[in-house]
Amino acid sequence: MTFTDKNIIENYIGLFESLNSISKLELIEKLTKSLKAENKSKESNFFKSFGAFSSEKTSDEIITEIKASRKFRKKEINF
């Protein structure tokens, strides 16, 4: 934890000390939910990255197309 993070936490603690018990519990509940949502979001984004490319062509057709699109020039390089 960085010095800045510690300072921010200390400032929030000072603010939260004036809250009543019910408000503190509600705050804890919302923070917990936000942490769970953050974890699910990261995991969801990871799994969404798979299968991002879709095509009606088979993998062999795509490979053949890529190889056919390559262009080579025969050029002598003199040193």
PDB file of N, CA and C in Angstrom:
ATOM      1  N   MET A   1       0.858  -1.174   0.000  1.00  0.00           N
ATOM      2  CA  MET A   1       0.000   0.000   0.000  1.00  0.00           C
ATOM      3  C   MET A   1       0.903   1.236   0.000  1.00  0.00           C
ATOM      4  N   THR A   2       0.594   2.172  -0.851  1.00  0.00           N
ATOM      5  CA  THR A   2       1.417   3.377  -0.958  1.00  0.00           C
ATOM      6  C   THR A   2       1.050   4.379   0.134  1.00  0.00           C
ATOM      7  N   PHE A   3       1.907   5.355   0.299  1.00  0.00           N
ATOM      8  CA  PHE A   3       1.661   6.411   1.276  1.00  0.00           C
ATOM      9  C   PHE A   3       0.368   7.153   0.951  1.00  0.00           C
ATOM     10  N   THR A   4       0.132   7.383  -0.339  1.00  0.00           N
ATOM     11  CA  THR A   4      -1.084   8.082  -0.772  1.00  0.00           C
ATOM     12  C   THR A   4      -2.328   7.291  -0.402  1.00  0.00           C
ATOM     13  N   ASP A   5      -2.280   5.969  -0.648  1.00  0.00           N
ATOM     14  CA  ASP A   5      -3.420   5.111  -0.298  1.00  0.00           C
ATOM     15  C   ASP A   5      -3.701   5.164   1.203  1.00  0.00           C
ATOM     16  N   LYS A   6      -2.640   5.093   1.999  1.00  0.00           N
ATOM     17  CA  LYS A   6      -2.813   5.151   3.456  1.00  0.00           C
ATOM     18  C   LYS A   6      -3.422   6.479   3.885  1.00  0.00           C
ATOM     19  N   ASN A   7      -2.977   7.552   3.274  1.00  0.00           N
ATOM     20  CA  ASN A   7      -3.495   8.880   3.596  1.00  0.00           C
ATOM     21  C   ASN A   7      -4.983   8.990   3.228  1.00  0.00           C
ATOM     22  N   ILE A   8      -5.354   8.475   2.083  1.00  0.00           N
ATOM     23  CA  ILE A   8      -6.759   8.505   1.661  1.00  0.00           C
ATOM     24  C   ILE A   8      -7.616   7.711   2.641  1.00  0.00           C
ATOM     25  N   ILE A   9      -7.138   6.541   3.027  1.00  0.00           N
ATOM     26  CA  ILE A   9      -7.887   5.705   3.972  1.00  0.00           C
ATOM     27  C   ILE A   9      -8.064   6.411   5.310  1.00  0.00           C
ATOM     28  N   GLU A  10      -7.010   7.036   5.805  1.00  0.00           N
ATOM     29  CA  GLU A  10      -7.102   7.756   7.076  1.00  0.00           C
ATOM     30  C   GLU A  10      -8.112   8.898   6.986  1.00  0.00           C
ATOM     31  N   ASN A  11      -8.148   9.599   5.862  1.00  0.00           N
ATOM     32  CA  ASN A  11      -9.122  10.682   5.688  1.00  0.00           C
ATOM     33  C   ASN A  11     -10.553  10.147   5.675  1.00  0.00           C
ATOM     34  N   TYR A  12     -10.760   9.014   5.004  1.00  0.00           N
ATOM     35  CA  TYR A  12     -12.096   8.421   4.977  1.00  0.00           C
ATOM     36  C   TYR A  12     -12.511   7.928   6.366  1.00  0.00           C
ATOM     37  N   ILE A  13     -11.579   7.355   7.096  1.00  0.00           N
ATOM     38  CA  ILE A  13     -11.892   6.878   8.449  1.00  0.00           C
ATOM     39  C   ILE A  13     -12.363   8.037   9.325  1.00  0.00           C
ATOM     40  N   GLY A  14     -11.696   9.162   9.213  1.00  0.00           N
ATOM     41  CA  GLY A  14     -12.116  10.341   9.971  1.00  0.00           C
ATOM     42  C   GLY A  14     -13.527  10.777   9.590  1.00  0.00           C
ATOM     43  N   LEU A  15     -13.861  10.664   8.321  1.00  0.00           N
ATOM     44  CA  LEU A  15     -15.196  11.025   7.847  1.00  0.00           C
ATOM     45  C   LEU A  15     -16.244  10.030   8.345  1.00  0.00           C
ATOM     46  N   PHE A  16     -15.899   8.744   8.333  1.00  0.00           N
ATOM     47  CA  PHE A  16     -16.860   7.708   8.695  1.00  0.00           C
ATOM     48  C   PHE A  16     -17.111   7.618  10.192  1.00  0.00           C
ATOM     49  N   GLU A  17     -16.209   8.138  11.012  1.00  0.00           N
ATOM     50  CA  GLU A  17     -16.392   8.078  12.460  1.00  0.00           C
ATOM     51  C   GLU A  17     -17.654   8.801  12.910  1.00  0.00           C
ATOM     52  N   SER A  18     -18.078   9.778  12.145  1.00  0.00           N
ATOM     53  CA  SER A  18     -19.272  10.535  12.529  1.00  0.00           C
ATOM     54  C   SER A  18     -20.578   9.834  12.122  1.00  0.00           C
ATOM     55  N   LEU A  19     -20.486   8.762  11.356  1.00  0.00           N
ATOM     56  CA  LEU A  19     -21.694   8.044  10.932  1.00  0.00           C
ATOM     57  C   LEU A  19     -22.223   7.157  12.056  1.00  0.00           C
ATOM     58  N   ASN A  20     -23.536   6.892  12.016  1.00  0.00           N
ATOM     59  CA  ASN A  20     -24.105   5.973  13.004  1.00  0.00           C
ATOM     60  C   ASN A  20     -23.853   4.531  12.554  1.00  0.00           C
ATOM     61  N   SER A  21     -24.150   3.586  13.418  1.00  0.00           N
ATOM     62  CA  SER A  21     -23.845   2.171  13.159  1.00  0.00           C
ATOM     63  C   SER A  21     -24.546   1.634  11.923  1.00  0.00           C
ATOM     64  N   ILE A  22     -25.791   2.001  11.724  1.00  0.00           N
ATOM     65  CA  ILE A  22     -26.553   1.518  10.573  1.00  0.00           C
ATOM     66  C   ILE A  22     -25.931   2.025   9.268  1.00  0.00           C
ATOM     67  N   SER A  23     -25.543   3.279   9.258  1.00  0.00           N
ATOM     68  CA  SER A  23     -24.908   3.842   8.064  1.00  0.00           C
ATOM     69  C   SER A  23     -23.575   3.160   7.772  1.00  0.00           C
ATOM     70  N   LYS A  24     -22.820   2.864   8.825  1.00  0.00           N
ATOM     71  CA  LYS A  24     -21.542   2.176   8.647  1.00  0.00           C
ATOM     72  C   LYS A  24     -21.750   0.777   8.080  1.00  0.00           C
ATOM     73  N   LEU A  25     -22.757   0.067   8.588  1.00  0.00           N
ATOM     74  CA  LEU A  25     -23.044  -1.275   8.077  1.00  0.00           C
ATOM     75  C   LEU A  25     -23.475  -1.227   6.605  1.00  0.00           C
ATOM     76  N   GLU A  26     -24.280  -0.235   6.262  1.00  0.00           N
ATOM     77  CA  GLU A  26     -24.709  -0.087   4.872  1.00  0.00           C
ATOM     78  C   GLU A  26     -23.519   0.223   3.968  1.00  0.00           C
ATOM     79  N   LEU A  27     -22.622   1.046   4.455  1.00  0.00           N
ATOM     80  CA  LEU A  27     -21.407   1.371   3.715  1.00  0.00           C
ATOM     81  C   LEU A  27     -20.559   0.115   3.488  1.00  0.00           C
ATOM     82  N   ILE A  28     -20.408  -0.687   4.525  1.00  0.00           N
ATOM     83  CA  ILE A  28     -19.648  -1.936   4.422  1.00  0.00           C
ATOM     84  C   ILE A  28     -20.290  -2.854   3.385  1.00  0.00           C
ATOM     85  N   GLU A  29     -21.603  -2.945   3.419  1.00  0.00           N
ATOM     86  CA  GLU A  29     -22.329  -3.792   2.475  1.00  0.00           C
ATOM     87  C   GLU A  29     -22.094  -3.330   1.037  1.00  0.00           C
ATOM     88  N   LYS A  30     -22.175  -2.030   0.800  1.00  0.00           N
ATOM     89  CA  LYS A  30     -21.987  -1.499  -0.553  1.00  0.00           C
ATOM     90  C   LYS A  30     -20.544  -1.675  -1.030  1.00  0.00           C
ATOM     91  N   LEU A  31     -19.588  -1.489  -0.125  1.00  0.00           N
ATOM     92  CA  LEU A  31     -18.185  -1.707  -0.494  1.00  0.00           C
ATOM     93  C   LEU A  31     -17.943  -3.171  -0.850  1.00  0.00           C
ATOM     94  N   THR A  32     -18.538  -4.070  -0.072  1.00  0.00           N
ATOM     95  CA  THR A  32     -18.398  -5.500  -0.343  1.00  0.00           C
ATOM     96  C   THR A  32     -18.982  -5.852  -1.704  1.00  0.00           C
ATOM     97  N   LYS A  33     -20.160  -5.320  -1.999  1.00  0.00           N
ATOM     98  CA  LYS A  33     -20.787  -5.577  -3.303  1.00  0.00           C
ATOM     99  C   LYS A  33     -19.935  -5.032  -4.443  1.00  0.00           C
ATOM    100  N   SER A  34     -19.342  -3.867  -4.244  1.00  0.00           N
ATOM    101  CA  SER A  34     -18.520  -3.289  -5.308  1.00  0.00           C
ATOM    102  C   SER A  34     -17.273  -4.133  -5.553  1.00  0.00           C
ATOM    103  N   LEU A  35     -16.711  -4.722  -4.497  1.00  0.00           N
ATOM    104  CA  LEU A  35     -15.553  -5.602  -4.668  1.00  0.00           C
ATOM    105  C   LEU A  35     -15.926  -6.865  -5.423  1.00  0.00           C
ATOM    106  N   LYS A  36     -17.068  -7.439  -5.087  1.00  0.00           N
ATOM    107  CA  LYS A  36     -17.525  -8.645  -5.778  1.00  0.00           C
ATOM    108  C   LYS A  36     -17.814  -8.347  -7.242  1.00  0.00           C
ATOM    109  N   ALA A  37     -18.439  -7.211  -7.512  1.00  0.00           N
ATOM    110  CA  ALA A  37     -18.750  -6.830  -8.891  1.00  0.00           C
ATOM    111  C   ALA A  37     -17.470  -6.583  -9.677  1.00  0.00           C
ATOM    112  N   GLU A  38     -16.473  -5.997  -9.039  1.00  0.00           N
ATOM    113  CA  GLU A  38     -15.196  -5.724  -9.704  1.00  0.00           C
ATOM    114  C   GLU A  38     -14.528  -7.031 -10.113  1.00  0.00           C
ATOM    115  N   ASN A  39     -14.528  -8.018  -9.225  1.00  0.00           N
ATOM    116  CA  ASN A  39     -13.919  -9.311  -9.530  1.00  0.00           C
ATOM    117  C   ASN A  39     -14.657 -10.007 -10.660  1.00  0.00           C
ATOM    118  N   LYS A  40     -15.981  -9.982 -10.625  1.00  0.00           N
ATOM    119  CA  LYS A  40     -16.772 -10.612 -11.671  1.00  0.00           C
ATOM    120  C   LYS A  40     -16.549  -9.909 -13.002  1.00  0.00           C
ATOM    121  N   SER A  41     -16.439  -8.593 -12.966  1.00  0.00           N
ATOM    122  CA  SER A  41     -16.235  -7.820 -14.184  1.00  0.00           C
ATOM    123  C   SER A  41     -14.912  -8.177 -14.836  1.00  0.00           C
ATOM    124  N   LYS A  42     -13.846  -8.271 -14.059  1.00  0.00           N
ATOM    125  CA  LYS A  42     -12.533  -8.625 -14.599  1.00  0.00           C
ATOM    126  C   LYS A  42     -12.562 -10.023 -15.193  1.00  0.00           C
ATOM    127  N   GLU A  43     -13.185 -10.943 -14.476  1.00  0.00           N
ATOM    128  CA  GLU A  43     -13.266 -12.321 -14.952  1.00  0.00           C
ATOM    129  C   GLU A  43     -14.112 -12.388 -16.217  1.00  0.00           C
ATOM    130  N   SER A  44     -15.211 -11.669 -16.222  1.00  0.00           N
ATOM    131  CA  SER A  44     -16.095 -11.652 -17.377  1.00  0.00           C
ATOM    132  C   SER A  44     -15.382 -11.079 -18.598  1.00  0.00           C
ATOM    133  N   ASN A  45     -14.651  -9.983 -18.416  1.00  0.00           N
ATOM    134  CA  ASN A  45     -13.916  -9.384 -19.528  1.00  0.00           C
ATOM    135  C   ASN A  45     -12.856 -10.337 -20.066  1.00  0.00           C
ATOM    136  N   PHE A  46     -12.225 -11.110 -19.184  1.00  0.00           N
ATOM    137  CA  PHE A  46     -11.222 -12.075 -19.614  1.00  0.00           C
ATOM    138  C   PHE A  46     -11.860 -13.118 -20.517  1.00  0.00           C
ATOM    139  N   PHE A  47     -12.994 -13.680 -20.087  1.00  0.00           N
ATOM    140  CA  PHE A  47     -13.623 -14.727 -20.870  1.00  0.00           C
ATOM    141  C   PHE A  47     -14.294 -14.176 -22.133  1.00  0.00           C
ATOM    142  N   LYS A  48     -14.686 -12.925 -22.126  1.00  0.00           N
ATOM    143  CA  LYS A  48     -15.266 -12.322 -23.329  1.00  0.00           C
ATOM    144  C   LYS A  48     -14.229 -12.158 -24.433  1.00  0.00           C
ATOM    145  N   SER A  49     -12.956 -12.122 -24.066  1.00  0.00           N
ATOM    146  CA  SER A  49     -11.912 -11.937 -25.064  1.00  0.00           C
ATOM    147  C   SER A  49     -11.744 -13.170 -25.954  1.00  0.00           C
ATOM    148  N   PHE A  50     -12.192 -14.319 -25.492  1.00  0.00           N
ATOM    149  CA  PHE A  50     -12.097 -15.523 -26.298  1.00  0.00           C
ATOM    150  C   PHE A  50     -13.226 -15.550 -27.322  1.00  0.00           C
ATOM    151  N   GLY A  51     -12.907 -16.008 -28.520  1.00  0.00           N
ATOM    152  CA  GLY A  51     -13.918 -16.116 -29.562  1.00  0.00           C
ATOM    153  C   GLY A  51     -14.297 -14.780 -30.150  1.00  0.00           C
ATOM    154  N   ALA A  52     -13.450 -13.778 -29.995  1.00  0.00           N
ATOM    155  CA  ALA A  52     -13.774 -12.452 -30.500  1.00  0.00           C
ATOM    156  C   ALA A  52     -13.785 -12.414 -32.023  1.00  0.00           C
ATOM    157  N   PHE A  53     -13.016 -13.298 -32.655  1.00  0.00           N
ATOM    158  CA  PHE A  53     -12.982 -13.335 -34.112  1.00  0.00           C
ATOM    159  C   PHE A  53     -13.953 -14.390 -34.584  1.00  0.00           C
ATOM    160  N   SER A  54     -14.907 -14.001 -35.394  1.00  0.00           N
ATOM    161  CA  SER A  54     -15.832 -14.992 -35.926  1.00  0.00           C
ATOM    162  C   SER A  54     -15.861 -14.883 -37.445  1.00  0.00           C
ATOM    163  N   SER A  55     -15.936 -16.033 -38.065  1.00  0.00           N
ATOM    164  CA  SER A  55     -15.954 -16.086 -39.517  1.00  0.00           C
ATOM    165  C   SER A  55     -16.682 -17.345 -39.934  1.00  0.00           C
ATOM    166  N   GLU A  56     -17.259 -17.287 -41.098  1.00  0.00           N
ATOM    167  CA  GLU A  56     -17.946 -18.455 -41.648  1.00  0.00           C
ATOM    168  C   GLU A  56     -16.947 -19.431 -42.258  1.00  0.00           C
ATOM    169  N   LYS A  57     -15.718 -18.968 -42.479  1.00  0.00           N
ATOM    170  CA  LYS A  57     -14.696 -19.796 -43.121  1.00  0.00           C
ATOM    171  C   LYS A  57     -14.083 -20.756 -42.105  1.00  0.00           C
ATOM    172  N   THR A  58     -13.598 -21.866 -42.630  1.00  0.00           N
ATOM    173  CA  THR A  58     -12.898 -22.810 -41.763  1.00  0.00           C
ATOM    174  C   THR A  58     -11.489 -22.284 -41.513  1.00  0.00           C
ATOM    175  N   SER A  59     -10.829 -22.861 -40.537  1.00  0.00           N
ATOM    176  CA  SER A  59      -9.470 -22.424 -40.226  1.00  0.00           C
ATOM    177  C   SER A  59      -8.530 -22.678 -41.405  1.00  0.00           C
ATOM    178  N   ASP A  60      -8.726 -23.795 -42.109  1.00  0.00           N
ATOM    179  CA  ASP A  60      -7.881 -24.086 -43.278  1.00  0.00           C
ATOM    180  C   ASP A  60      -8.083 -23.056 -44.382  1.00  0.00           C
ATOM    181  N   GLU A  61      -9.313 -22.637 -44.583  1.00  0.00           N
ATOM    182  CA  GLU A  61      -9.586 -21.607 -45.604  1.00  0.00           C
ATOM    183  C   GLU A  61      -8.936 -20.277 -45.230  1.00  0.00           C
ATOM    184  N   ILE A  62      -8.989 -19.918 -43.969  1.00  0.00           N
ATOM    185  CA  ILE A  62      -8.386 -18.661 -43.512  1.00  0.00           C
ATOM    186  C   ILE A  62      -6.868 -18.722 -43.677  1.00  0.00           C
ATOM    187  N   ILE A  63      -6.267 -19.854 -43.311  1.00  0.00           N
ATOM    188  CA  ILE A  63      -4.813 -20.007 -43.455  1.00  0.00           C
ATOM    189  C   ILE A  63      -4.413 -19.914 -44.916  1.00  0.00           C
ATOM    190  N   THR A  64      -5.159 -20.598 -45.779  1.00  0.00           N
ATOM    191  CA  THR A  64      -4.868 -20.551 -47.213  1.00  0.00           C
ATOM    192  C   THR A  64      -4.988 -19.132 -47.743  1.00  0.00           C
ATOM    193  N   GLU A  65      -5.995 -18.412 -47.321  1.00  0.00           N
ATOM    194  CA  GLU A  65      -6.201 -17.022 -47.758  1.00  0.00           C
ATOM    195  C   GLU A  65      -5.048 -16.121 -47.300  1.00  0.00           C
ATOM    196  N   ILE A  66      -4.606 -16.302 -46.067  1.00  0.00           N
ATOM    197  CA  ILE A  66      -3.496 -15.497 -45.548  1.00  0.00           C
ATOM    198  C   ILE A  66      -2.222 -15.792 -46.327  1.00  0.00           C
ATOM    199  N   LYS A  67      -1.950 -17.074 -46.547  1.00  0.00           N
ATOM    200  CA  LYS A  67      -0.744 -17.437 -47.293  1.00  0.00           C
ATOM    201  C   LYS A  67      -0.797 -16.940 -48.730  1.00  0.00           C
ATOM    202  N   ALA A  68      -1.967 -16.963 -49.340  1.00  0.00           N
ATOM    203  CA  ALA A  68      -2.103 -16.502 -50.725  1.00  0.00           C
ATOM    204  C   ALA A  68      -1.928 -14.989 -50.836  1.00  0.00           C
ATOM    205  N   SER A  69      -2.231 -14.267 -49.767  1.00  0.00           N
ATOM    206  CA  SER A  69      -2.127 -12.809 -49.822  1.00  0.00           C
ATOM    207  C   SER A  69      -0.701 -12.306 -49.626  1.00  0.00           C
ATOM    208  N   ARG A  70       0.204 -13.197 -49.255  1.00  0.00           N
ATOM    209  CA  ARG A  70       1.603 -12.804 -49.065  1.00  0.00           C
ATOM    210  C   ARG A  70       2.246 -12.502 -50.407  1.00  0.00           C
ATOM    211  N   LYS A  71       3.031 -11.461 -50.436  1.00  0.00           N
ATOM    212  CA  LYS A  71       3.724 -11.087 -51.662  1.00  0.00           C
ATOM    213  C   LYS A  71       5.208 -10.984 -51.362  1.00  0.00           C
ATOM    214  N   PHE A  72       5.980 -11.705 -52.143  1.00  0.00           N
ATOM    215  CA  PHE A  72       7.418 -11.696 -51.970  1.00  0.00           C
ATOM    216  C   PHE A  72       8.067 -11.094 -53.205  1.00  0.00           C
ATOM    217  N   ARG A  73       9.095 -10.334 -52.977  1.00  0.00           N
ATOM    218  CA  ARG A  73       9.864  -9.765 -54.091  1.00  0.00           C
ATOM    219  C   ARG A  73      11.235 -10.380 -54.062  1.00  0.00           C
ATOM    220  N   LYS A  74      11.691 -10.732 -55.239  1.00  0.00           N
ATOM    221  CA  LYS A  74      13.058 -11.229 -55.324  1.00  0.00           C
ATOM    222  C   LYS A  74      13.937 -10.055 -55.647  1.00  0.00           C
ATOM    223  N   LYS A  75      14.767  -9.720 -54.725  1.00  0.00           N
ATOM    224  CA  LYS A  75      15.650  -8.584 -54.892  1.00  0.00           C
ATOM    225  C   LYS A  75      16.994  -8.936 -54.280  1.00  0.00           C
ATOM    226  N   GLU A  76      18.001  -8.727 -55.044  1.00  0.00           N
ATOM    227  CA  GLU A  76      19.334  -9.004 -54.528  1.00  0.00           C
ATOM    228  C   GLU A  76      19.782  -7.879 -53.635  1.00  0.00           C
ATOM    229  N   ILE A  77      20.385  -8.239 -52.552  1.00  0.00           N
ATOM    230  CA  ILE A  77      20.921  -7.239 -51.633  1.00  0.00           C
ATOM    231  C   ILE A  77      22.435  -7.288 -51.760  1.00  0.00           C
ATOM    232  N   ASN A  78      23.004  -6.201 -52.204  1.00  0.00           N
ATOM    233  CA  ASN A  78      24.452  -6.113 -52.384  1.00  0.00           C
ATOM    234  C   ASN A  78      25.076  -5.443 -51.188  1.00  0.00           C
ATOM    235  N   PHE A  79      26.113  -6.052 -50.671  1.00  0.00           N
ATOM    236  CA  PHE A  79      26.822  -5.488 -49.529  1.00  0.00           C
ATOM    237  C   PHE A  79      28.145  -4.923 -49.954  1.00  0.00           C
TER     238      PHE A  79
END
